[in-house]
Amino acid sequence: MAKLRIGVIYGGRSGEHEVSLMSAQSVLGALDRSRYDVTEIGITPEGKWIAGEGVMQTLTTRSGKTPRAAMLAEPGPARIWEIQPDGDEELHLRICREVDVVFPVLHGTFGEDGTLQGLLEMAEVAYVGAGVLASSVAMDKALFKQLMRAHGIPMLEYILCTRGEIAHDLEGVLRRAEEAAPYPFFTKPANLGSSVGISRCANRSDLVEGLAEAARYDRRVVIERGIDAREIEVSVLGNEKPEASVPGEVIPSREFYSYESKYVDGTSQLLIPAPLPEEKVREVQRMAVEAYRAIDGAGLSRADFLMDRKSGELYINELNTMPGFTTISMYPKLWEKTGLAYPALLDRLIELALERHAERAKSERSFRKN
C-alpha cells in the first residue's frame, strides 16, 4: 500500500515564526514514516517558500541553499514546485513533490488566519485544520467576541480601537476603556496568538504602553477587562461531531501566561486534568464545543477560558485553530491525558482532513439550468 504523502508547512511571515519551528519539530518527529511520505515546506520570515532538504536548518540558521518553492492556486494534483533560476533573470518551475494532504503547522498571521487556507481551498487540496471562515474569525479577537456574544457564550467586557486612533486620539481611547470597565486591562493585537504583544495594564500609564506594544503587531487592538482568574483550557477535535478533551489548568510562572512562560523558560505549571468539580468540567467542555461549532470549526482547536476565582463564573477567552504542538504545549497534552497519544492524534487529524476534503468535494461548482 502506497504511503500517504503529507506536506508539512511551517515557519511563516508572523510574529509566531519561532513558535511554528518548535511545533513543527515535534510534529515531524512524531509522524509515522512507515505510513507517511513527508515533504517539508518552509516559509521564511520574509514570506519566501522553500522545500527539499534542509528546510528546518535553513529557517533556524537563516542560511543554507534550500531551493525556493511554490504552490499554484489551481485545482489538480497538489504539487510543490521548485523554482529554478536559469541565469537570465528568468525563473522556471520544476515539480518537486506531490502531496495528498497539507499539514499547516503555522501560527498567527498568514497561516492561522484563513489566508493560507484560501490558497489550499483554491488548489482543492486536503489540509489539516479549520477552513477560511473559522480560521479568520477565531484569529480576530474582536470578531470572535462578537460571534460569542451572538451565541450567548459568556465573555469579558472589551473595546476595540485602531492603530490610527491610538496615534491621533489616545485620550479618547483611554476614556472609552475606562468607561467600559475598571482596571486592570489586557491589551492585545486583534490578530495574533502565543501571547505576542499582550500586556497587563494596572493603570493609565501601563495602558498607554500596552496600546503601543499591541499596535506594533496589528492595526486593530483589543482592550479587555482583566479579572483574578484561573486559566482553563480544553482541546477540541473533530469535524461534524467535535469532541472535547479533559480540561487543563495553566499556573503561569509570571503575571500571566506570557510568551516567555509558554516557550522560553518553560516554568509555568500545567495541571492535567484541571482540579475542577465534575459539573464545571461538563460546563467548560460544553462551552468549548459550542464555541467550536459557532465558528464552524474543523479538525482541531484549543478553547481558552478564564474562571473567576471568587464567583466561579466561566468566560471564554479565545479559540486557537492551530494551537501549539511543542513538547510543552497544552493541546496534545490534554488529548494524551484523555487517551489519545501524540502520534495517534496526528493520524486522526490527517483522517479528519481527508474526511472534510471529501465532504467539500460533494459541492457543485457550476450551475446549469434544466
Protein backbone atom coordinates (compact mmCIF):
# COMPACT_ATOMS: atom_id res chain seq x y z
CA MET A 1 0.00 0.00 0.00
CA ALA A 2 1.39 3.37 -1.05
CA LYS A 3 2.23 5.83 1.68
CA LEU A 4 0.06 8.90 2.12
CA ARG A 5 2.01 11.96 1.01
CA ILE A 6 2.00 14.71 3.66
CA GLY A 7 3.28 18.22 3.12
CA VAL A 8 4.15 19.89 6.44
CA ILE A 9 4.26 23.69 6.10
CA TYR A 10 5.93 25.69 8.85
CA GLY A 11 7.75 28.93 9.64
CA GLY A 12 5.76 31.79 8.20
CA ARG A 13 5.67 35.57 8.00
CA SER A 14 4.39 36.14 11.50
CA GLY A 15 5.46 37.17 14.97
CA GLU A 16 4.97 33.50 15.84
CA HIS A 17 7.56 32.22 13.35
CA GLU A 18 9.82 30.77 16.05
CA VAL A 19 6.88 29.07 17.77
CA SER A 20 5.99 27.43 14.46
CA LEU A 21 9.50 25.99 14.15
CA MET A 22 9.23 24.47 17.62
CA SER A 23 5.81 22.99 16.86
CA ALA A 24 6.98 21.62 13.51
CA GLN A 25 9.96 19.86 15.07
CA SER A 26 7.59 17.93 17.32
CA VAL A 27 5.15 17.11 14.50
CA LEU A 28 7.90 15.99 12.12
CA GLY A 29 9.43 13.83 14.82
CA ALA A 30 6.13 12.08 15.59
CA LEU A 31 4.70 11.41 12.09
CA ASP A 32 4.89 7.69 11.35
CA ARG A 33 7.29 7.41 8.38
CA SER A 34 6.09 3.86 7.71
CA ARG A 35 2.67 5.34 6.86
CA TYR A 36 3.57 8.77 5.52
CA ASP A 37 5.89 10.16 2.90
CA VAL A 38 6.68 13.58 4.39
CA THR A 39 7.71 16.69 2.47
CA GLU A 40 8.89 19.69 4.47
CA ILE A 41 7.82 23.09 3.17
CA GLY A 42 9.21 26.16 4.87
CA ILE A 43 8.15 29.80 4.74
CA THR A 44 10.79 32.35 5.68
CA PRO A 45 10.06 35.41 7.84
CA GLU A 46 10.05 37.38 4.58
CA GLY A 47 7.39 35.10 3.09
CA LYS A 48 9.54 33.09 0.67
CA TRP A 49 8.69 29.40 0.28
CA ILE A 50 11.39 26.73 0.33
CA ALA A 51 11.22 22.94 0.02
CA GLY A 52 13.52 19.97 -0.17
CA GLU A 53 16.44 19.04 2.01
CA GLY A 54 17.48 21.15 4.98
CA VAL A 55 14.35 23.27 5.37
CA MET A 56 14.49 23.32 9.18
CA GLN A 57 18.20 24.16 9.19
CA THR A 58 17.68 26.95 6.67
CA LEU A 59 14.89 28.52 8.72
CA THR A 60 16.68 28.04 12.02
CA THR A 61 20.07 29.38 10.96
CA ARG A 62 18.78 31.79 8.28
CA SER A 63 21.33 30.29 5.93
CA GLY A 64 21.57 27.38 3.52
CA LYS A 65 20.78 26.60 -0.08
CA THR A 66 17.35 25.00 0.17
CA PRO A 67 15.60 25.62 -3.17
CA ARG A 68 12.84 28.21 -3.46
CA ALA A 69 9.42 26.67 -3.90
CA ALA A 70 5.80 27.50 -4.72
CA MET A 71 2.30 26.05 -4.76
CA LEU A 72 -0.10 27.10 -7.50
CA ALA A 73 -3.69 28.02 -6.66
CA GLU A 74 -5.28 25.86 -9.32
CA PRO A 75 -7.13 22.55 -8.96
CA GLY A 76 -5.37 19.34 -9.89
CA PRO A 77 -2.62 17.27 -8.33
CA ALA A 78 -1.31 19.16 -5.31
CA ARG A 79 2.21 19.88 -6.44
CA ILE A 80 5.09 21.60 -4.74
CA TRP A 81 7.14 23.32 -7.42
CA GLU A 82 10.83 24.07 -7.16
CA ILE A 83 11.75 27.49 -8.56
CA GLN A 84 14.88 27.32 -10.68
CA PRO A 85 16.70 30.40 -11.99
CA ASP A 86 18.17 29.95 -15.47
CA GLY A 87 20.82 32.65 -15.25
CA ASP A 88 18.96 35.13 -17.47
CA GLU A 89 16.80 36.58 -14.72
CA GLU A 90 14.04 34.18 -15.71
CA LEU A 91 12.55 31.57 -13.41
CA HIS A 92 11.46 28.07 -14.28
CA LEU A 93 9.27 25.69 -12.30
CA ARG A 94 10.11 22.04 -11.81
CA ILE A 95 7.89 19.59 -9.97
CA CYS A 96 9.48 18.93 -6.60
CA ARG A 97 6.88 16.72 -4.92
CA GLU A 98 3.17 15.92 -4.97
CA VAL A 99 1.19 15.76 -1.73
CA ASP A 100 -2.14 14.27 -0.72
CA VAL A 101 -2.63 16.27 2.48
CA VAL A 102 -1.13 19.55 3.67
CA PHE A 103 -0.46 19.86 7.40
CA PRO A 104 -0.03 23.57 8.15
CA VAL A 105 1.93 23.99 11.38
CA LEU A 106 1.70 27.76 11.15
CA HIS A 107 0.68 30.12 13.94
CA GLY A 108 -0.56 33.66 13.59
CA THR A 109 -0.72 35.93 10.56
CA PHE A 110 -0.59 34.41 7.05
CA GLY A 111 -1.04 30.90 8.37
CA GLU A 112 -3.70 30.62 11.04
CA ASP A 113 -5.90 33.48 9.83
CA GLY A 114 -7.51 31.94 6.74
CA THR A 115 -5.07 33.30 4.15
CA LEU A 116 -3.18 30.04 3.59
CA GLN A 117 -6.45 28.13 3.90
CA GLY A 118 -7.80 30.19 0.98
CA LEU A 119 -4.87 29.13 -1.19
CA LEU A 120 -5.39 25.48 -0.26
CA GLU A 121 -9.14 25.73 -0.96
CA MET A 122 -8.46 27.16 -4.43
CA ALA A 123 -5.99 24.37 -5.09
CA GLU A 124 -8.59 21.84 -3.87
CA VAL A 125 -6.11 20.05 -1.64
CA ALA A 126 -6.96 18.34 1.65
CA TYR A 127 -5.50 20.12 4.65
CA VAL A 128 -5.47 19.78 8.41
CA GLY A 129 -7.48 22.23 10.47
CA ALA A 130 -10.19 24.84 10.16
CA GLY A 131 -11.37 26.42 6.93
CA VAL A 132 -11.13 30.02 5.77
CA LEU A 133 -14.07 31.40 7.75
CA ALA A 134 -13.37 29.63 11.04
CA SER A 135 -9.67 30.45 10.84
CA SER A 136 -10.21 34.16 10.20
CA VAL A 137 -12.98 34.61 12.78
CA ALA A 138 -11.10 32.79 15.53
CA MET A 139 -7.94 34.71 14.72
CA ASP A 140 -9.62 38.10 15.05
CA LYS A 141 -10.27 38.53 18.77
CA ALA A 142 -12.86 41.27 18.29
CA LEU A 143 -14.92 39.42 15.66
CA PHE A 144 -14.68 36.25 17.71
CA LYS A 145 -16.08 38.05 20.75
CA GLN A 146 -18.96 39.44 18.70
CA LEU A 147 -19.83 35.94 17.50
CA MET A 148 -19.65 34.53 21.02
CA ARG A 149 -21.98 37.27 22.23
CA ALA A 150 -24.45 36.38 19.45
CA HIS A 151 -24.41 32.75 20.65
CA GLY A 152 -24.83 33.67 24.31
CA ILE A 153 -21.41 32.36 25.35
CA PRO A 154 -20.13 34.46 28.30
CA MET A 155 -17.06 36.67 27.80
CA LEU A 156 -15.44 39.67 29.48
CA GLU A 157 -16.09 43.31 28.58
CA TYR A 158 -13.83 44.78 25.91
CA ILE A 159 -13.43 47.63 23.47
CA LEU A 160 -11.77 47.71 20.06
CA CYS A 161 -9.56 50.50 18.79
CA THR A 162 -7.27 51.05 15.81
CA ARG A 163 -3.64 52.00 15.44
CA GLY A 164 -4.80 55.29 13.93
CA GLU A 165 -6.99 56.06 16.93
CA ILE A 166 -4.11 55.31 19.30
CA ALA A 167 -1.87 57.68 17.34
CA HIS A 168 -4.35 60.54 16.84
CA ASP A 169 -6.94 60.22 19.64
CA LEU A 170 -5.18 58.45 22.50
CA GLU A 171 -7.17 60.36 25.11
CA GLY A 172 -10.41 59.21 23.54
CA VAL A 173 -9.27 55.58 23.52
CA LEU A 174 -8.24 55.77 27.18
CA ARG A 175 -11.55 57.36 28.14
CA ARG A 176 -13.59 54.69 26.31
CA ALA A 177 -11.66 51.90 28.04
CA GLU A 178 -12.05 53.44 31.49
CA GLU A 179 -15.78 53.93 30.92
CA ALA A 180 -16.18 50.29 29.86
CA ALA A 181 -14.59 48.62 32.91
CA PRO A 182 -12.23 49.19 35.85
CA TYR A 183 -8.52 48.46 35.78
CA PRO A 184 -6.69 46.17 35.22
CA PHE A 185 -6.92 45.69 31.45
CA PHE A 186 -5.18 43.45 28.97
CA THR A 187 -4.17 44.98 25.66
CA LYS A 188 -3.89 42.55 22.74
CA PRO A 189 -3.26 42.68 19.00
CA ALA A 190 -6.59 41.63 17.48
CA ASN A 191 -4.89 39.19 15.10
CA LEU A 192 -2.07 37.30 16.74
CA GLY A 193 -1.52 34.49 19.22
CA SER A 194 1.05 32.90 21.54
CA SER A 195 0.65 35.94 23.84
CA VAL A 196 2.77 38.04 21.46
CA GLY A 197 2.16 41.76 22.05
CA ILE A 198 -0.08 41.24 25.09
CA SER A 199 0.34 43.44 28.18
CA ARG A 200 -1.34 43.62 31.57
CA CYS A 201 -2.19 47.21 32.41
CA ALA A 202 -2.80 48.12 36.06
CA ASN A 203 -3.15 51.88 35.47
CA ARG A 204 -3.37 54.54 32.77
CA SER A 205 0.40 54.72 32.25
CA ASP A 206 0.54 50.95 31.72
CA LEU A 207 -2.37 51.20 29.31
CA VAL A 208 -0.58 53.75 27.16
CA GLU A 209 2.46 51.48 26.97
CA GLY A 210 0.34 48.39 26.35
CA LEU A 211 -1.50 50.03 23.47
CA ALA A 212 1.78 51.00 21.83
CA GLU A 213 3.11 47.45 22.21
CA ALA A 214 -0.03 45.81 20.78
CA ALA A 215 -0.17 48.28 17.87
CA ARG A 216 3.28 47.10 16.76
CA TYR A 217 1.73 43.84 15.60
CA ASP A 218 -1.72 44.78 14.28
CA ARG A 219 -3.72 47.82 13.21
CA ARG A 220 -6.60 46.71 15.46
CA VAL A 221 -6.15 46.41 19.22
CA VAL A 222 -8.45 44.84 21.83
CA ILE A 223 -8.61 46.28 25.36
CA GLU A 224 -10.17 43.68 27.66
CA ARG A 225 -11.14 43.77 31.32
CA GLY A 226 -8.80 41.77 33.50
CA ILE A 227 -10.02 39.67 36.42
CA ASP A 228 -8.47 37.48 39.07
CA ALA A 229 -8.94 34.27 37.16
CA ARG A 230 -7.86 30.68 36.78
CA GLU A 231 -6.83 29.83 33.20
CA ILE A 232 -8.66 26.74 31.97
CA GLU A 233 -8.06 25.17 28.55
CA VAL A 234 -9.88 22.45 26.61
CA SER A 235 -8.79 20.73 23.40
CA VAL A 236 -11.45 20.10 20.74
CA LEU A 237 -11.12 17.55 17.93
CA GLY A 238 -13.44 16.65 15.06
CA ASN A 239 -15.49 17.92 12.14
CA GLU A 240 -19.26 17.42 12.24
CA LYS A 241 -19.14 15.73 15.65
CA PRO A 242 -16.45 17.51 17.67
CA GLU A 243 -15.31 16.12 21.00
CA ALA A 244 -13.74 17.88 23.98
CA SER A 245 -10.78 16.63 25.98
CA VAL A 246 -10.41 16.73 29.71
CA PRO A 247 -9.75 20.34 30.76
CA GLY A 248 -6.36 21.52 31.96
CA GLU A 249 -5.28 24.48 34.06
CA VAL A 250 -2.33 26.78 33.48
CA ILE A 251 -0.47 28.10 36.53
CA PRO A 252 1.66 30.88 34.97
CA SER A 253 5.20 31.40 36.25
CA ARG A 254 4.75 35.11 35.54
CA GLU A 255 1.97 37.62 35.99
CA PHE A 256 0.03 35.97 33.16
CA TYR A 257 0.63 33.19 30.63
CA SER A 258 3.09 35.19 28.53
CA TYR A 259 5.16 34.18 25.50
CA GLU A 260 8.15 33.62 27.80
CA SER A 261 6.09 31.43 30.12
CA LYS A 262 4.89 29.33 27.21
CA TYR A 263 8.01 28.87 25.13
CA VAL A 264 11.15 30.28 26.77
CA ASP A 265 11.52 29.39 30.44
CA GLY A 266 9.03 26.51 30.47
CA THR A 267 8.40 27.04 34.16
CA SER A 268 4.64 27.51 34.03
CA GLN A 269 2.82 24.58 35.56
CA LEU A 270 0.16 22.64 33.67
CA LEU A 271 -2.39 20.78 35.78
CA ILE A 272 -3.93 17.98 33.74
CA PRO A 273 -6.70 17.32 34.45
CA ALA A 274 -7.67 20.65 35.99
CA PRO A 275 -8.84 20.36 39.61
CA LEU A 276 -12.49 21.20 38.92
CA PRO A 277 -15.80 19.84 40.20
CA GLU A 278 -17.42 17.45 37.75
CA GLU A 279 -20.20 19.93 36.92
CA LYS A 280 -17.57 22.56 35.97
CA VAL A 281 -15.78 20.00 33.81
CA ARG A 282 -19.00 19.32 31.91
CA GLU A 283 -19.76 23.04 31.63
CA VAL A 284 -16.38 24.01 30.19
CA GLN A 285 -16.44 21.07 27.76
CA ARG A 286 -19.94 22.05 26.60
CA MET A 287 -18.91 25.69 26.10
CA ALA A 288 -15.79 24.64 24.17
CA VAL A 289 -17.82 22.55 21.74
CA GLU A 290 -20.47 25.28 21.39
CA ALA A 291 -17.82 27.86 20.52
CA TYR A 292 -16.21 25.44 18.06
CA ARG A 293 -19.49 24.85 16.29
CA ALA A 294 -20.32 28.57 16.31
CA ILE A 295 -17.27 29.36 14.16
CA ASP A 296 -17.77 26.22 12.02
CA GLY A 297 -14.56 24.71 13.34
CA ALA A 298 -12.92 21.69 11.74
CA GLY A 299 -10.04 19.44 12.63
CA LEU A 300 -8.83 20.96 15.86
CA SER A 301 -8.91 23.90 18.21
CA ARG A 302 -7.94 24.77 21.76
CA ALA A 303 -10.54 26.69 23.73
CA ASP A 304 -9.17 29.01 26.41
CA PHE A 305 -11.32 30.11 29.35
CA LEU A 306 -10.99 32.41 32.35
CA MET A 307 -12.70 31.29 35.54
CA ASP A 308 -13.32 33.96 38.18
CA ARG A 309 -11.68 32.78 41.40
CA LYS A 310 -14.42 34.26 43.58
CA SER A 311 -17.62 33.56 41.66
CA GLY A 312 -16.55 30.52 39.65
CA GLU A 313 -18.04 32.11 36.51
CA LEU A 314 -16.53 30.91 33.24
CA TYR A 315 -15.71 33.31 30.39
CA ILE A 316 -14.43 32.22 27.01
CA ASN A 317 -11.22 33.99 26.10
CA GLU A 318 -10.37 32.65 22.64
CA LEU A 319 -10.21 29.68 20.29
CA ASN A 320 -6.89 28.75 18.71
CA THR A 321 -7.47 26.92 15.43
CA MET A 322 -3.79 25.92 15.16
CA PRO A 323 -2.62 25.66 18.77
CA GLY A 324 0.98 25.00 19.72
CA PHE A 325 2.28 21.48 19.14
CA THR A 326 5.55 21.75 21.07
CA THR A 327 6.53 19.19 23.68
CA ILE A 328 5.21 21.52 26.41
CA SER A 329 2.03 22.59 24.59
CA MET A 330 -1.33 22.07 26.21
CA TYR A 331 -3.28 20.81 23.18
CA PRO A 332 -1.53 17.44 22.71
CA LYS A 333 -1.02 17.02 26.45
CA LEU A 334 -4.77 17.26 27.07
CA TRP A 335 -5.52 14.62 24.43
CA GLU A 336 -2.79 12.38 25.81
CA LYS A 337 -4.48 12.53 29.22
CA THR A 338 -7.84 11.87 27.55
CA GLY A 339 -6.42 8.70 25.98
CA LEU A 340 -5.09 9.80 22.56
CA ALA A 341 -1.28 9.72 22.29
CA TYR A 342 0.61 12.28 20.20
CA PRO A 343 1.25 10.06 17.11
CA ALA A 344 -2.34 8.82 17.13
CA LEU A 345 -3.54 12.43 17.42
CA LEU A 346 -1.63 13.35 14.26
CA ASP A 347 -3.13 10.32 12.49
CA ARG A 348 -6.62 11.43 13.49
CA LEU A 349 -6.04 15.00 12.28
CA ILE A 350 -4.94 13.71 8.89
CA GLU A 351 -8.03 11.46 8.74
CA LEU A 352 -10.24 14.46 9.55
CA ALA A 353 -8.55 16.49 6.80
CA LEU A 354 -9.34 13.80 4.22
CA GLU A 355 -12.88 13.43 5.55
CA ARG A 356 -13.57 17.16 5.25
CA HIS A 357 -11.98 17.31 1.81
CA ALA A 358 -14.28 14.53 0.61
CA GLU A 359 -17.29 16.37 2.02
CA ARG A 360 -16.30 19.63 0.29
CA ALA A 361 -15.88 17.76 -2.99
CA LYS A 362 -19.61 16.94 -2.96
CA SER A 363 -20.46 20.60 -3.58
CA GLU A 364 -21.16 21.53 -7.20
CA ARG A 365 -19.03 24.37 -8.57
CA SER A 366 -21.17 25.25 -11.56
CA PHE A 367 -24.82 25.90 -12.26
CA ARG A 368 -26.76 24.78 -15.31
CA LYS A 369 -30.42 25.43 -15.97
CA ASN A 370 -32.54 22.38 -16.75
